[in-house]
Protein backbone atom coordinates (compact mmCIF):
# COMPACT_ATOMS: atom_id res chain seq x y z
CA MET A 1 -23.14 -95.10 -86.59
CA PRO A 2 -26.01 -96.93 -88.25
CA GLU A 3 -28.35 -94.63 -90.40
CA ASP A 4 -31.80 -95.73 -89.06
CA PRO A 5 -33.29 -94.42 -85.66
CA ILE A 6 -33.64 -97.94 -84.20
CA SER A 7 -30.09 -98.91 -84.97
CA GLN A 8 -28.98 -95.56 -83.72
CA GLU A 9 -30.76 -96.04 -80.43
CA MET A 10 -29.49 -99.75 -80.06
CA ALA A 11 -25.81 -98.59 -80.71
CA ARG A 12 -26.35 -95.64 -78.22
CA ILE A 13 -27.64 -98.27 -75.54
CA LEU A 14 -24.86 -100.44 -76.25
CA ASN A 15 -22.46 -97.83 -76.00
CA GLU A 16 -23.89 -96.75 -72.75
CA LYS A 17 -23.69 -100.23 -71.35
CA LEU A 18 -20.15 -100.60 -72.18
CA GLN A 19 -19.11 -97.50 -70.80
CA ARG A 20 -20.68 -98.70 -67.41
CA VAL A 21 -18.75 -101.90 -67.77
CA ILE A 22 -15.52 -100.13 -68.33
CA ASP A 23 -16.14 -97.64 -65.63
CA LYS A 24 -16.75 -100.63 -63.09
CA GLN A 25 -13.59 -102.37 -64.33
CA THR A 26 -11.63 -99.18 -63.80
CA GLU A 27 -13.03 -99.08 -60.16
CA HIS A 28 -12.00 -102.65 -59.61
CA THR A 29 -8.40 -102.15 -61.08
CA ILE A 30 -8.00 -99.04 -58.68
CA ALA A 31 -9.29 -100.91 -55.87
CA LEU A 32 -7.01 -104.04 -56.41
CA ALA A 33 -4.18 -101.76 -56.85
CA ASN A 34 -4.65 -99.98 -53.54
CA HIS A 35 -5.21 -103.51 -51.84
CA THR A 36 -1.88 -104.76 -53.49
CA ALA A 37 -0.03 -101.65 -52.20
CA SER A 38 -1.46 -102.12 -48.76
CA LEU A 39 -0.52 -105.82 -48.65
CA ASP A 40 2.95 -104.82 -49.90
CA ARG A 41 3.20 -102.31 -47.01
CA LEU A 42 2.11 -105.10 -44.69
CA GLU A 43 4.62 -107.59 -45.68
CA LYS A 44 7.45 -104.94 -45.48
CA GLY A 45 6.20 -104.33 -41.64
CA GLN A 46 6.09 -107.93 -41.14
CA GLU A 47 9.65 -108.30 -42.35
CA ARG A 48 11.04 -105.50 -40.43
CA GLN A 49 9.15 -106.83 -37.33
CA GLN A 50 10.75 -110.23 -37.73
CA GLU A 51 14.20 -108.46 -37.99
CA VAL A 52 13.56 -106.70 -34.58
CA LEU A 53 12.42 -109.95 -33.09
CA ASP A 54 15.53 -111.87 -34.39
CA GLU A 55 17.66 -109.16 -33.24
CA ILE A 56 15.69 -109.13 -29.64
CA LEU A 57 16.43 -112.80 -29.47
CA ARG A 58 20.16 -112.58 -30.39
CA ILE A 59 20.29 -110.08 -27.30
CA LEU A 60 18.47 -112.42 -24.88
CA ARG A 61 20.72 -115.49 -25.81
CA GLY A 62 23.93 -113.12 -24.96
CA GLY A 63 24.87 -112.44 -28.67
CA GLU A 64 25.59 -109.25 -29.88
CA SER A 65 23.30 -106.78 -31.91
CA PRO A 66 24.31 -106.41 -35.50
CA GLN A 67 24.17 -102.55 -34.85
CA ASP A 68 26.95 -102.92 -32.06
């Protein structure tokens, strides 16, 4: 840390501001990770839904279910 009081205060203020920026970036990173996980779950659900719909279509067209 700088020796004179003005430089010390400036350094303290800059450190506080930097910490706020880091905290906000951390919050954004966590939010982004949560959204990404939600999108992954949604995608898997849509894939499963498509599989079920495909199976229903095969049954309706007179085909056999893959589980038979």
